[in-house]
Amino acid sequence: MVISGVILNAASETRVDATLEVATITTAVEVQSNALQIATENAKTTVAVTDKMVDELPLVVSGTLRSPFDLQP
């Protein structure tokens, strides 16, 4: 059985149901990926910030003008 065309996006869940059947000892399960590995050591999430989200941020924060450096993690 080959399941292809599965798209994974950051901070989302994707479910793929597969049925395993009894077969001979020569059966192999192969998983291929051309993206970075999923981090399973922690529960960090990722958010993609769009231009629209940045444009909608307030210009004045704590009485001072917003700086592009405020957007750094």
Protein backbone atom coordinates (compact mmCIF):
# COMPACT_ATOMS: atom_id res chain seq x y z
CA MET A 1 0.00 0.00 0.00
CA VAL A 2 1.32 3.47 -0.87
CA ILE A 3 -0.18 6.62 0.62
CA SER A 4 1.15 9.74 -1.05
CA GLY A 5 0.19 13.36 -1.44
CA VAL A 6 -0.19 13.96 2.30
CA ILE A 7 0.48 17.62 3.10
CA LEU A 8 1.60 18.65 6.59
CA ASN A 9 1.42 22.29 7.68
CA ALA A 10 2.98 23.87 10.74
CA ALA A 11 0.80 23.86 13.86
CA SER A 12 -1.82 21.60 12.32
CA GLU A 13 -2.88 17.98 12.61
CA THR A 14 -3.20 15.56 9.72
CA ARG A 15 -4.71 12.09 9.98
CA VAL A 16 -4.00 9.27 7.57
CA ASP A 17 -5.73 5.94 8.15
CA ALA A 18 -3.90 2.84 6.94
CA THR A 19 -4.93 -0.79 7.14
CA LEU A 20 -2.15 -3.25 7.87
CA GLU A 21 -2.56 -6.81 6.64
CA VAL A 22 -0.73 -10.02 7.52
CA ALA A 23 1.87 -10.72 4.87
CA THR A 24 5.18 -12.46 4.33
CA ILE A 25 8.39 -11.51 6.08
CA THR A 26 9.59 -9.54 3.05
CA THR A 27 7.02 -6.77 3.66
CA ALA A 28 8.61 -3.39 4.48
CA VAL A 29 7.24 -0.09 5.72
CA GLU A 30 9.00 2.93 4.27
CA VAL A 31 8.39 6.55 5.22
CA GLN A 32 9.90 9.27 3.05
CA SER A 33 10.13 12.98 3.71
CA ASN A 34 11.77 15.90 2.01
CA ALA A 35 11.15 18.34 4.86
CA LEU A 36 12.72 18.82 8.27
CA GLN A 37 12.00 16.19 10.88
CA ILE A 38 9.19 16.80 13.32
CA ALA A 39 10.47 17.78 16.77
CA THR A 40 9.07 15.25 19.23
CA GLU A 41 11.20 16.31 22.20
CA ASN A 42 9.08 19.36 23.10
CA ALA A 43 5.68 20.92 22.56
CA LYS A 44 6.78 24.07 20.76
CA THR A 45 4.40 25.38 18.13
CA THR A 46 4.97 27.60 15.11
CA VAL A 47 2.91 30.50 13.85
CA ALA A 48 3.36 32.06 10.44
CA VAL A 49 3.05 35.85 10.77
CA THR A 50 1.53 37.49 7.72
CA ASP A 51 2.01 41.08 6.56
CA LYS A 52 -1.63 41.77 7.39
CA MET A 53 -1.14 40.65 11.00
CA VAL A 54 1.86 42.96 11.39
CA ASP A 55 -0.01 45.88 9.78
CA GLU A 56 -2.87 45.45 12.26
CA LEU A 57 -0.60 45.70 15.31
CA PRO A 58 -0.92 48.96 17.27
CA LEU A 59 1.63 51.63 16.32
CA VAL A 60 1.98 52.95 19.87
CA VAL A 61 2.93 50.46 22.58
CA SER A 62 3.49 51.61 26.20
CA GLY A 63 3.62 55.23 25.05
CA THR A 64 6.35 54.68 22.43
CA LEU A 65 6.22 53.95 18.72
CA ARG A 66 6.46 50.30 17.71
CA SER A 67 9.83 49.20 16.35
CA PRO A 68 10.42 46.35 13.86
CA PHE A 69 12.88 44.95 16.42
CA ASP A 70 9.95 44.35 18.81
CA LEU A 71 8.82 41.50 16.55
CA GLN A 72 11.92 39.39 17.21
CA PRO A 73 11.49 36.35 19.50
